Amino acid sequence: MKTKMARNLPTQIVISLGNQIVSGQVAPGSVITSDVLEAQFGVSRTVVREALKVLHDKGLTRARTKTGTIVLERHEWNLLDPDVISWLQASGLGRELVRDLEEVRASYEPWVARIAAKRRGSKDISVLTNSLKKMTDAFYQEGPQSEAIGEADAAFHQALLDATQNELMKRIGKLFIPLLKIRDDMVRHVVDDGDFLIQHQAVLDAIVEEDADLAEAAMKVLLSQAIQASTDARKKSPR
């Protein structure tokens, strides 16, 4: 996953320190001073200040008067920030977040499907159908390792959120989309059949028929299989 930030000087410092903090190279409790960063990166104090502000906003660090900047514990990081997620993935620690994601999805996404079946419009059906078609075409034309599958899958689940017509649900669900992409990247290496396409089709069919009970049940089946695929992926690559 590529960082969302532009590659200016403060950003280069953010990316470097962010990766070091998330990977554990710079441990929680470590103190970072502006003087050291200025010398290390050959930049001005203004540039360092801008970079540290970004790290503060991501929950990785906190300024301490007369001390410097302290690196925070993981539980204080913004784990839904796209860049933090990217750094976790690069360090091999994104799998722990994927496990947490699967548990959260199991509790809310069946309800998303249920509401979507009740409120979806023709445009929602069109977007869902198009996303599933892209998923299917990528699988059969490029194979199960295609990155396009993950992109289409994320679009499908985003369309489900949109179909609920519930602004809070859409905002909450959107937070998990970056994690869903990591999950898809991870399971591409262990999934070689097209069962997930059948499961997505079952969800879509239920929503088209406005059958809320069936949509909820179909989503539970889809998520159950997704959890199994993630578990298998972690076993094959435990890093």
C-alpha atoms as a PDB file:
ATOM      1  CA  MET A   1       0.000   0.000   0.000  1.00  0.00           C
ATOM      2  CA  LYS A   2       1.446   3.355  -0.967  1.00  0.00           C
ATOM      3  CA  THR A   3       1.481   6.243   1.473  1.00  0.00           C
ATOM      4  CA  LYS A   4      -1.073   8.936   0.802  1.00  0.00           C
ATOM      5  CA  MET A   5       1.311  11.778   1.599  1.00  0.00           C
ATOM      6  CA  ALA A   6       3.171  13.937  -0.895  1.00  0.00           C
ATOM      7  CA  ARG A   7       6.930  13.471  -0.907  1.00  0.00           C
ATOM      8  CA  ASN A   8       8.101  16.827   0.473  1.00  0.00           C
ATOM      9  CA  LEU A   9      10.811  17.209   3.105  1.00  0.00           C
ATOM     10  CA  PRO A  10       8.583  16.989   6.212  1.00  0.00           C
ATOM     11  CA  THR A  11       6.853  13.976   4.676  1.00  0.00           C
ATOM     12  CA  GLN A  12      10.150  12.190   4.060  1.00  0.00           C
ATOM     13  CA  ILE A  13      10.937  12.560   7.757  1.00  0.00           C
ATOM     14  CA  VAL A  14       7.441  11.369   8.708  1.00  0.00           C
ATOM     15  CA  ILE A  15       7.756   8.275   6.523  1.00  0.00           C
ATOM     16  CA  SER A  16      11.208   7.443   7.849  1.00  0.00           C
ATOM     17  CA  LEU A  17      10.317   7.911  11.518  1.00  0.00           C
ATOM     18  CA  GLY A  18       6.866   6.400  11.094  1.00  0.00           C
ATOM     19  CA  ASN A  19       8.347   3.191   9.703  1.00  0.00           C
ATOM     20  CA  GLN A  20      10.966   3.057  12.457  1.00  0.00           C
ATOM     21  CA  ILE A  21       8.398   3.588  15.218  1.00  0.00           C
ATOM     22  CA  VAL A  22       5.847   1.126  13.887  1.00  0.00           C
ATOM     23  CA  SER A  23       8.458  -1.579  13.226  1.00  0.00           C
ATOM     24  CA  GLY A  24       9.899  -1.156  16.721  1.00  0.00           C
ATOM     25  CA  GLN A  25      13.280   0.189  15.633  1.00  0.00           C
ATOM     26  CA  VAL A  26      12.440   3.239  17.725  1.00  0.00           C
ATOM     27  CA  ALA A  27      10.881   1.853  20.895  1.00  0.00           C
ATOM     28  CA  PRO A  28       7.981   3.306  22.897  1.00  0.00           C
ATOM     29  CA  GLY A  29       9.272   5.714  25.510  1.00  0.00           C
ATOM     30  CA  SER A  30      12.181   6.841  23.331  1.00  0.00           C
ATOM     31  CA  VAL A  31      12.779  10.576  23.277  1.00  0.00           C
ATOM     32  CA  ILE A  32      13.311  12.321  19.930  1.00  0.00           C
ATOM     33  CA  THR A  33      14.756  15.835  19.917  1.00  0.00           C
ATOM     34  CA  SER A  34      14.575  18.458  17.203  1.00  0.00           C
ATOM     35  CA  ASP A  35      18.349  18.972  17.306  1.00  0.00           C
ATOM     36  CA  VAL A  36      18.997  15.314  16.517  1.00  0.00           C
ATOM     37  CA  LEU A  37      16.466  15.267  13.677  1.00  0.00           C
ATOM     38  CA  GLU A  38      17.834  18.481  12.158  1.00  0.00           C
ATOM     39  CA  ALA A  39      21.333  16.979  12.101  1.00  0.00           C
ATOM     40  CA  GLN A  40      20.190  13.555  10.928  1.00  0.00           C
ATOM     41  CA  PHE A  41      18.102  14.800   7.999  1.00  0.00           C
ATOM     42  CA  GLY A  42      19.947  18.036   7.281  1.00  0.00           C
ATOM     43  CA  VAL A  43      16.809  20.182   7.502  1.00  0.00           C
ATOM     44  CA  SER A  44      15.627  23.266   9.351  1.00  0.00           C
ATOM     45  CA  ARG A  45      13.765  23.320  12.653  1.00  0.00           C
ATOM     46  CA  THR A  46      10.623  24.426  10.798  1.00  0.00           C
ATOM     47  CA  VAL A  47      10.699  21.287   8.654  1.00  0.00           C
ATOM     48  CA  VAL A  48      11.220  19.104  11.732  1.00  0.00           C
ATOM     49  CA  ARG A  49       8.361  20.848  13.529  1.00  0.00           C
ATOM     50  CA  GLU A  50       6.007  20.159  10.617  1.00  0.00           C
ATOM     51  CA  ALA A  51       7.014  16.502  10.518  1.00  0.00           C
ATOM     52  CA  LEU A  52       6.565  16.014  14.238  1.00  0.00           C
ATOM     53  CA  LYS A  53       3.114  17.579  14.104  1.00  0.00           C
ATOM     54  CA  VAL A  54       2.053  14.931  11.587  1.00  0.00           C
ATOM     55  CA  LEU A  55       3.415  12.153  13.798  1.00  0.00           C
ATOM     56  CA  HIS A  56       1.594  13.671  16.790  1.00  0.00           C
ATOM     57  CA  ASP A  57      -1.656  13.731  14.806  1.00  0.00           C
ATOM     58  CA  LYS A  58      -1.210  10.039  13.969  1.00  0.00           C
ATOM     59  CA  GLY A  59      -0.846   9.226  17.642  1.00  0.00           C
ATOM     60  CA  LEU A  60       2.719   7.949  17.317  1.00  0.00           C
ATOM     61  CA  THR A  61       4.395  10.671  19.383  1.00  0.00           C
ATOM     62  CA  ARG A  62       3.664  13.384  21.899  1.00  0.00           C
ATOM     63  CA  ALA A  63       5.549  16.566  22.683  1.00  0.00           C
ATOM     64  CA  ARG A  64       6.909  17.021  26.200  1.00  0.00           C
ATOM     65  CA  THR A  65       7.935  20.427  27.456  1.00  0.00           C
ATOM     66  CA  LYS A  66      11.676  20.773  28.032  1.00  0.00           C
ATOM     67  CA  THR A  67      12.200  17.105  27.123  1.00  0.00           C
ATOM     68  CA  GLY A  68      11.472  16.610  23.450  1.00  0.00           C
ATOM     69  CA  THR A  69       9.127  14.269  21.674  1.00  0.00           C
ATOM     70  CA  ILE A  70       8.322  10.910  23.217  1.00  0.00           C
ATOM     71  CA  VAL A  71       7.331   7.829  21.226  1.00  0.00           C
ATOM     72  CA  LEU A  72       3.983   6.443  22.374  1.00  0.00           C
ATOM     73  CA  GLU A  73       2.808   2.894  22.978  1.00  0.00           C
ATOM     74  CA  ARG A  74       0.926   1.103  20.200  1.00  0.00           C
ATOM     75  CA  HIS A  75      -2.446   1.389  21.958  1.00  0.00           C
ATOM     76  CA  GLU A  76      -2.234   5.166  21.507  1.00  0.00           C
ATOM     77  CA  TRP A  77      -1.553   5.047  17.739  1.00  0.00           C
ATOM     78  CA  ASN A  78      -4.284   5.906  15.272  1.00  0.00           C
ATOM     79  CA  LEU A  79      -4.582   2.391  13.876  1.00  0.00           C
ATOM     80  CA  LEU A  80      -7.114   3.480  11.258  1.00  0.00           C
ATOM     81  CA  ASP A  81      -4.793   6.055   9.720  1.00  0.00           C
ATOM     82  CA  PRO A  82      -3.897   4.920   6.160  1.00  0.00           C
ATOM     83  CA  ASP A  83      -0.195   5.684   6.638  1.00  0.00           C
ATOM     84  CA  VAL A  84       0.021   3.888   9.979  1.00  0.00           C
ATOM     85  CA  ILE A  85      -1.698   0.915   8.339  1.00  0.00           C
ATOM     86  CA  SER A  86       0.803   1.097   5.474  1.00  0.00           C
ATOM     87  CA  TRP A  87       3.742   1.068   7.869  1.00  0.00           C
ATOM     88  CA  LEU A  88       2.270  -1.833   9.817  1.00  0.00           C
ATOM     89  CA  GLN A  89       1.859  -3.776   6.592  1.00  0.00           C
ATOM     90  CA  ALA A  90       5.445  -3.020   5.524  1.00  0.00           C
ATOM     91  CA  SER A  91       6.760  -4.261   8.875  1.00  0.00           C
ATOM     92  CA  GLY A  92       4.669  -7.445   8.740  1.00  0.00           C
ATOM     93  CA  LEU A  93       2.492  -6.400  11.672  1.00  0.00           C
ATOM     94  CA  GLY A  94      -0.658  -5.700   9.667  1.00  0.00           C
ATOM     95  CA  ARG A  95      -1.845  -9.281  10.188  1.00  0.00           C
ATOM     96  CA  GLU A  96      -2.757  -8.542  13.794  1.00  0.00           C
ATOM     97  CA  LEU A  97      -4.995  -5.711  12.616  1.00  0.00           C
ATOM     98  CA  VAL A  98      -6.573  -7.980  10.024  1.00  0.00           C
ATOM     99  CA  ARG A  99      -7.553 -10.409  12.775  1.00  0.00           C
ATOM    100  CA  ASP A 100      -9.176  -7.549  14.675  1.00  0.00           C
ATOM    101  CA  LEU A 101     -10.860  -6.388  11.477  1.00  0.00           C
ATOM    102  CA  GLU A 102     -12.440  -9.792  10.884  1.00  0.00           C
ATOM    103  CA  GLU A 103     -13.955  -9.744  14.369  1.00  0.00           C
ATOM    104  CA  VAL A 104     -15.346  -6.243  13.909  1.00  0.00           C
ATOM    105  CA  ARG A 105     -16.739  -7.029  10.449  1.00  0.00           C
ATOM    106  CA  ALA A 106     -18.501 -10.114  11.814  1.00  0.00           C
ATOM    107  CA  SER A 107     -20.375  -7.899  14.253  1.00  0.00           C
ATOM    108  CA  TYR A 108     -21.478  -5.090  11.942  1.00  0.00           C
ATOM    109  CA  GLU A 109     -21.380  -6.070   8.262  1.00  0.00           C
ATOM    110  CA  PRO A 110     -24.294  -8.556   8.347  1.00  0.00           C
ATOM    111  CA  TRP A 111     -26.368  -5.660   9.660  1.00  0.00           C
ATOM    112  CA  VAL A 112     -25.043  -3.466   6.842  1.00  0.00           C
ATOM    113  CA  ALA A 113     -26.262  -6.045   4.320  1.00  0.00           C
ATOM    114  CA  ARG A 114     -29.632  -6.230   6.042  1.00  0.00           C
ATOM    115  CA  ILE A 115     -30.184  -2.462   5.909  1.00  0.00           C
ATOM    116  CA  ALA A 116     -28.854  -2.246   2.358  1.00  0.00           C
ATOM    117  CA  ALA A 117     -31.468  -4.796   1.248  1.00  0.00           C
ATOM    118  CA  LYS A 118     -34.206  -2.572   2.661  1.00  0.00           C
ATOM    119  CA  ARG A 119     -32.980   0.759   1.343  1.00  0.00           C
ATOM    120  CA  ARG A 120     -30.935   0.128  -1.799  1.00  0.00           C
ATOM    121  CA  GLY A 121     -31.745   2.030  -4.946  1.00  0.00           C
ATOM    122  CA  SER A 122     -31.206   1.176  -8.597  1.00  0.00           C
ATOM    123  CA  LYS A 123     -27.884   3.034  -8.609  1.00  0.00           C
ATOM    124  CA  ASP A 124     -26.656   0.972  -5.654  1.00  0.00           C
ATOM    125  CA  ILE A 125     -27.524  -2.250  -7.481  1.00  0.00           C
ATOM    126  CA  SER A 126     -25.665  -1.011 -10.544  1.00  0.00           C
ATOM    127  CA  VAL A 127     -22.509  -0.230  -8.558  1.00  0.00           C
ATOM    128  CA  LEU A 128     -22.631  -3.549  -6.690  1.00  0.00           C
ATOM    129  CA  THR A 129     -23.163  -5.478  -9.911  1.00  0.00           C
ATOM    130  CA  ASN A 130     -20.319  -3.659 -11.650  1.00  0.00           C
ATOM    131  CA  SER A 131     -17.955  -4.248  -8.731  1.00  0.00           C
ATOM    132  CA  LEU A 132     -18.736  -7.956  -8.664  1.00  0.00           C
ATOM    133  CA  LYS A 133     -18.254  -8.181 -12.433  1.00  0.00           C
ATOM    134  CA  LYS A 134     -14.816  -6.574 -12.122  1.00  0.00           C
ATOM    135  CA  MET A 135     -13.972  -9.006  -9.325  1.00  0.00           C
ATOM    136  CA  THR A 136     -15.080 -11.947 -11.437  1.00  0.00           C
ATOM    137  CA  ASP A 137     -13.346 -10.770 -14.626  1.00  0.00           C
ATOM    138  CA  ALA A 138     -10.073 -10.205 -12.745  1.00  0.00           C
ATOM    139  CA  PHE A 139     -10.242 -13.667 -11.197  1.00  0.00           C
ATOM    140  CA  TYR A 140     -10.837 -15.517 -14.451  1.00  0.00           C
ATOM    141  CA  GLN A 141      -8.734 -13.342 -16.726  1.00  0.00           C
ATOM    142  CA  GLU A 142      -5.760 -12.572 -14.458  1.00  0.00           C
ATOM    143  CA  GLY A 143      -5.984 -15.311 -11.830  1.00  0.00           C
ATOM    144  CA  PRO A 144      -6.495 -15.338  -8.034  1.00  0.00           C
ATOM    145  CA  GLN A 145      -3.321 -13.295  -7.484  1.00  0.00           C
ATOM    146  CA  SER A 146      -4.722 -10.262  -9.332  1.00  0.00           C
ATOM    147  CA  GLU A 147      -4.615  -7.025  -7.358  1.00  0.00           C
ATOM    148  CA  ALA A 148      -7.739  -5.953  -9.217  1.00  0.00           C
ATOM    149  CA  ILE A 149      -9.728  -8.481  -7.181  1.00  0.00           C
ATOM    150  CA  GLY A 150      -8.958  -6.638  -3.957  1.00  0.00           C
ATOM    151  CA  GLU A 151      -9.786  -3.272  -5.498  1.00  0.00           C
ATOM    152  CA  ALA A 152     -13.138  -4.546  -6.765  1.00  0.00           C
ATOM    153  CA  ASP A 153     -13.855  -6.222  -3.416  1.00  0.00           C
ATOM    154  CA  ALA A 154     -13.261  -2.951  -1.555  1.00  0.00           C
ATOM    155  CA  ALA A 155     -15.564  -1.180  -4.025  1.00  0.00           C
ATOM    156  CA  PHE A 156     -18.263  -3.831  -3.459  1.00  0.00           C
ATOM    157  CA  HIS A 157     -18.215  -3.395   0.304  1.00  0.00           C
ATOM    158  CA  GLN A 158     -18.120   0.384  -0.019  1.00  0.00           C
ATOM    159  CA  ALA A 159     -21.194   0.151  -2.250  1.00  0.00           C
ATOM    160  CA  LEU A 160     -22.940  -1.906   0.423  1.00  0.00           C
ATOM    161  CA  LEU A 161     -22.263   0.852   2.935  1.00  0.00           C
ATOM    162  CA  ASP A 162     -23.583   3.478   0.523  1.00  0.00           C
ATOM    163  CA  ALA A 163     -26.726   1.418  -0.051  1.00  0.00           C
ATOM    164  CA  THR A 164     -27.664   1.666   3.633  1.00  0.00           C
ATOM    165  CA  GLN A 165     -28.347   5.402   3.175  1.00  0.00           C
ATOM    166  CA  ASN A 166     -27.034   5.718   6.739  1.00  0.00           C
ATOM    167  CA  GLU A 167     -24.401   8.443   7.025  1.00  0.00           C
ATOM    168  CA  LEU A 168     -22.976   7.241  10.340  1.00  0.00           C
ATOM    169  CA  MET A 169     -22.726   3.662   9.158  1.00  0.00           C
ATOM    170  CA  LYS A 170     -21.032   4.807   5.951  1.00  0.00           C
ATOM    171  CA  ARG A 171     -18.482   6.867   7.847  1.00  0.00           C
ATOM    172  CA  ILE A 172     -17.712   4.099  10.337  1.00  0.00           C
ATOM    173  CA  GLY A 173     -17.443   1.447   7.638  1.00  0.00           C
ATOM    174  CA  LYS A 174     -15.193   3.584   5.460  1.00  0.00           C
ATOM    175  CA  LEU A 175     -12.579   3.550   8.222  1.00  0.00           C
ATOM    176  CA  PHE A 176     -12.042  -0.153   7.632  1.00  0.00           C
ATOM    177  CA  ILE A 177     -11.585  -0.042   3.842  1.00  0.00           C
ATOM    178  CA  PRO A 178      -7.743   0.342   4.027  1.00  0.00           C
ATOM    179  CA  LEU A 179      -7.616  -2.702   6.317  1.00  0.00           C
ATOM    180  CA  LEU A 180      -9.845  -4.637   3.963  1.00  0.00           C
ATOM    181  CA  LYS A 181      -7.299  -4.042   1.205  1.00  0.00           C
ATOM    182  CA  ILE A 182      -4.512  -5.434   3.399  1.00  0.00           C
ATOM    183  CA  ARG A 183      -6.670  -8.453   4.149  1.00  0.00           C
ATOM    184  CA  ASP A 184      -7.267  -9.033   0.438  1.00  0.00           C
ATOM    185  CA  ASP A 185      -3.546  -8.712  -0.303  1.00  0.00           C
ATOM    186  CA  MET A 186      -2.830 -11.296   2.364  1.00  0.00           C
ATOM    187  CA  VAL A 187      -5.336 -13.955   1.298  1.00  0.00           C
ATOM    188  CA  ARG A 188      -4.556 -13.683  -2.432  1.00  0.00           C
ATOM    189  CA  HIS A 189      -1.673 -16.061  -1.803  1.00  0.00           C
ATOM    190  CA  VAL A 190      -3.849 -18.817  -0.312  1.00  0.00           C
ATOM    191  CA  VAL A 191      -7.156 -18.507  -2.185  1.00  0.00           C
ATOM    192  CA  ASP A 192      -7.184 -20.310  -5.518  1.00  0.00           C
ATOM    193  CA  ASP A 193     -10.877 -21.121  -5.999  1.00  0.00           C
ATOM    194  CA  GLY A 194     -13.812 -18.913  -6.875  1.00  0.00           C
ATOM    195  CA  ASP A 195     -16.021 -19.624  -3.859  1.00  0.00           C
ATOM    196  CA  PHE A 196     -15.775 -16.023  -2.677  1.00  0.00           C
ATOM    197  CA  LEU A 197     -17.392 -14.932  -5.946  1.00  0.00           C
ATOM    198  CA  ILE A 198     -20.365 -17.211  -5.276  1.00  0.00           C
ATOM    199  CA  GLN A 199     -20.685 -15.782  -1.774  1.00  0.00           C
ATOM    200  CA  HIS A 200     -20.614 -12.186  -3.016  1.00  0.00           C
ATOM    201  CA  GLN A 201     -23.204 -13.084  -5.653  1.00  0.00           C
ATOM    202  CA  ALA A 202     -25.474 -14.511  -2.941  1.00  0.00           C
ATOM    203  CA  VAL A 203     -25.282 -11.226  -1.022  1.00  0.00           C
ATOM    204  CA  LEU A 204     -26.024  -9.239  -4.172  1.00  0.00           C
ATOM    205  CA  ASP A 205     -28.958 -11.459  -5.143  1.00  0.00           C
ATOM    206  CA  ALA A 206     -30.553 -11.029  -1.717  1.00  0.00           C
ATOM    207  CA  ILE A 207     -30.160  -7.255  -1.885  1.00  0.00           C
ATOM    208  CA  VAL A 208     -31.637  -7.153  -5.385  1.00  0.00           C
ATOM    209  CA  GLU A 209     -34.644  -9.115  -4.060  1.00  0.00           C
ATOM    210  CA  GLU A 210     -34.845  -6.795  -1.029  1.00  0.00           C
ATOM    211  CA  ASP A 211     -34.697  -9.843   1.228  1.00  0.00           C
ATOM    212  CA  ALA A 212     -33.125  -8.503   4.426  1.00  0.00           C
ATOM    213  CA  ASP A 213     -33.020 -11.867   6.241  1.00  0.00           C
ATOM    214  CA  LEU A 214     -31.324 -13.588   3.320  1.00  0.00           C
ATOM    215  CA  ALA A 215     -28.868 -10.709   2.824  1.00  0.00           C
ATOM    216  CA  GLU A 216     -27.831 -10.893   6.459  1.00  0.00           C
ATOM    217  CA  ALA A 217     -27.441 -14.677   6.323  1.00  0.00           C
ATOM    218  CA  ALA A 218     -25.466 -14.536   3.067  1.00  0.00           C
ATOM    219  CA  MET A 219     -23.104 -11.968   4.526  1.00  0.00           C
ATOM    220  CA  LYS A 220     -22.498 -14.158   7.570  1.00  0.00           C
ATOM    221  CA  VAL A 221     -21.481 -17.011   5.275  1.00  0.00           C
ATOM    222  CA  LEU A 222     -19.192 -14.713   3.278  1.00  0.00           C
ATOM    223  CA  LEU A 223     -17.519 -13.421   6.442  1.00  0.00           C
ATOM    224  CA  SER A 224     -17.137 -16.909   7.891  1.00  0.00           C
ATOM    225  CA  GLN A 225     -15.226 -17.980   4.795  1.00  0.00           C
ATOM    226  CA  ALA A 226     -13.213 -14.754   4.854  1.00  0.00           C
ATOM    227  CA  ILE A 227     -12.129 -15.427   8.432  1.00  0.00           C
ATOM    228  CA  GLN A 228     -11.057 -18.943   7.474  1.00  0.00           C
ATOM    229  CA  ALA A 229      -9.040 -17.617   4.521  1.00  0.00           C
ATOM    230  CA  SER A 230      -7.315 -15.055   6.760  1.00  0.00           C
ATOM    231  CA  THR A 231      -6.530 -17.752   9.329  1.00  0.00           C
ATOM    232  CA  ASP A 232      -5.031 -19.985   6.644  1.00  0.00           C
ATOM    233  CA  ALA A 233      -2.960 -17.065   5.349  1.00  0.00           C
ATOM    234  CA  ARG A 234      -1.547 -16.350   8.802  1.00  0.00           C
ATOM    235  CA  LYS A 235      -0.624 -20.018   9.251  1.00  0.00           C
ATOM    236  CA  LYS A 236       1.205 -20.147   5.932  1.00  0.00           C
ATOM    237  CA  SER A 237       3.030 -16.891   6.558  1.00  0.00           C
ATOM    238  CA  PRO A 238       3.168 -16.280  10.342  1.00  0.00           C
ATOM    239  CA  ARG A 239       5.377 -13.191  10.118  1.00  0.00           C
END
